[in-house]
């Protein structure tokens, strides 16, 4: 509990928390983009492969 209080009072703790949030949101954006683009790319390669005899 003392560690949490110290992190709240110190600027370095606040900065670390902000960087953690930024990293979290970047990770969520990457996961979302890979999910959406993965389905699109999979469909593209599937249709391309079906075009060959």
C-alpha atoms as a PDB file:
ATOM      1  CA  UNK A   1       0.000   0.000   0.000  1.00  0.00           C
ATOM      2  CA  UNK A   2       2.879   2.333   0.774  1.00  0.00           C
ATOM      3  CA  UNK A   3       4.273   1.734  -2.711  1.00  0.00           C
ATOM      4  CA  UNK A   4       0.986   2.864  -4.265  1.00  0.00           C
ATOM      5  CA  UNK A   5       0.949   6.050  -2.180  1.00  0.00           C
ATOM      6  CA  UNK A   6       4.537   6.794  -3.113  1.00  0.00           C
ATOM      7  CA  UNK A   7       3.812   6.258  -6.826  1.00  0.00           C
ATOM      8  CA  UNK A   8       0.854   8.645  -6.680  1.00  0.00           C
ATOM      9  CA  UNK A   9       2.959  11.357  -5.020  1.00  0.00           C
ATOM     10  CA  UNK A  10       5.980  11.056  -7.306  1.00  0.00           C
ATOM     11  CA  UNK A  11       6.043  12.388 -10.850  1.00  0.00           C
ATOM     12  CA  UNK A  12       7.946   9.357 -12.084  1.00  0.00           C
ATOM     13  CA  UNK A  13       5.115   7.086 -10.979  1.00  0.00           C
ATOM     14  CA  UNK A  14       2.565   9.168 -12.829  1.00  0.00           C
ATOM     15  CA  UNK A  15       4.704   9.138 -15.948  1.00  0.00           C
ATOM     16  CA  UNK A  16       5.081   5.362 -15.745  1.00  0.00           C
ATOM     17  CA  UNK A  17       1.317   4.958 -15.463  1.00  0.00           C
ATOM     18  CA  UNK A  18       0.775   7.244 -18.454  1.00  0.00           C
ATOM     19  CA  UNK A  19       3.255   5.250 -20.533  1.00  0.00           C
ATOM     20  CA  UNK A  20       1.482   2.064 -19.489  1.00  0.00           C
ATOM     21  CA  UNK A  21      -1.831   3.455 -20.724  1.00  0.00           C
ATOM     22  CA  UNK A  22      -0.255   4.559 -24.000  1.00  0.00           C
ATOM     23  CA  UNK A  23       1.282   1.106 -24.530  1.00  0.00           C
ATOM     24  CA  UNK A  24      -2.064  -0.526 -23.715  1.00  0.00           C
ATOM     25  CA  UNK A  25      -3.970   1.577 -26.250  1.00  0.00           C
ATOM     26  CA  UNK A  26      -1.332   0.985 -28.925  1.00  0.00           C
ATOM     27  CA  UNK A  27      -1.576  -2.768 -28.296  1.00  0.00           C
ATOM     28  CA  UNK A  28      -5.375  -2.642 -28.565  1.00  0.00           C
ATOM     29  CA  UNK A  29      -5.107  -0.698 -31.843  1.00  0.00           C
ATOM     30  CA  UNK A  30      -2.622  -3.217 -33.255  1.00  0.00           C
ATOM     31  CA  UNK A  31      -4.790  -6.172 -32.251  1.00  0.00           C
ATOM     32  CA  UNK A  32      -7.832  -4.528 -33.839  1.00  0.00           C
ATOM     33  CA  UNK A  33      -5.981  -3.736 -37.063  1.00  0.00           C
ATOM     34  CA  UNK A  34      -4.566  -7.259 -37.344  1.00  0.00           C
ATOM     35  CA  UNK A  35      -7.998  -8.750 -36.743  1.00  0.00           C
ATOM     36  CA  UNK A  36      -9.661  -6.634 -39.435  1.00  0.00           C
ATOM     37  CA  UNK A  37      -6.835  -6.814 -41.955  1.00  0.00           C
ATOM     38  CA  UNK A  38      -6.270 -10.511 -41.296  1.00  0.00           C
ATOM     39  CA  UNK A  39      -9.753 -11.383 -42.490  1.00  0.00           C
ATOM     40  CA  UNK A  40      -9.366  -9.151 -45.542  1.00  0.00           C
ATOM     41  CA  UNK A  41      -5.976 -10.576 -46.501  1.00  0.00           C
ATOM     42  CA  UNK A  42      -7.196 -14.118 -45.931  1.00  0.00           C
ATOM     43  CA  UNK A  43     -10.143 -13.495 -48.268  1.00  0.00           C
ATOM     44  CA  UNK A  44      -7.867 -11.967 -50.891  1.00  0.00           C
ATOM     45  CA  UNK A  45      -5.472 -14.903 -50.897  1.00  0.00           C
ATOM     46  CA  UNK A  46      -8.372 -17.358 -50.850  1.00  0.00           C
ATOM     47  CA  UNK A  47      -9.940 -15.812 -53.934  1.00  0.00           C
ATOM     48  CA  UNK A  48      -6.553 -15.607 -55.659  1.00  0.00           C
ATOM     49  CA  UNK A  49      -5.828 -19.272 -54.938  1.00  0.00           C
ATOM     50  CA  UNK A  50      -9.291 -20.265 -56.210  1.00  0.00           C
ATOM     51  CA  UNK A  51      -8.593 -18.499 -59.511  1.00  0.00           C
ATOM     52  CA  UNK A  52      -5.755 -20.918 -60.294  1.00  0.00           C
ATOM     53  CA  UNK A  53      -6.698 -24.358 -61.635  1.00  0.00           C
END
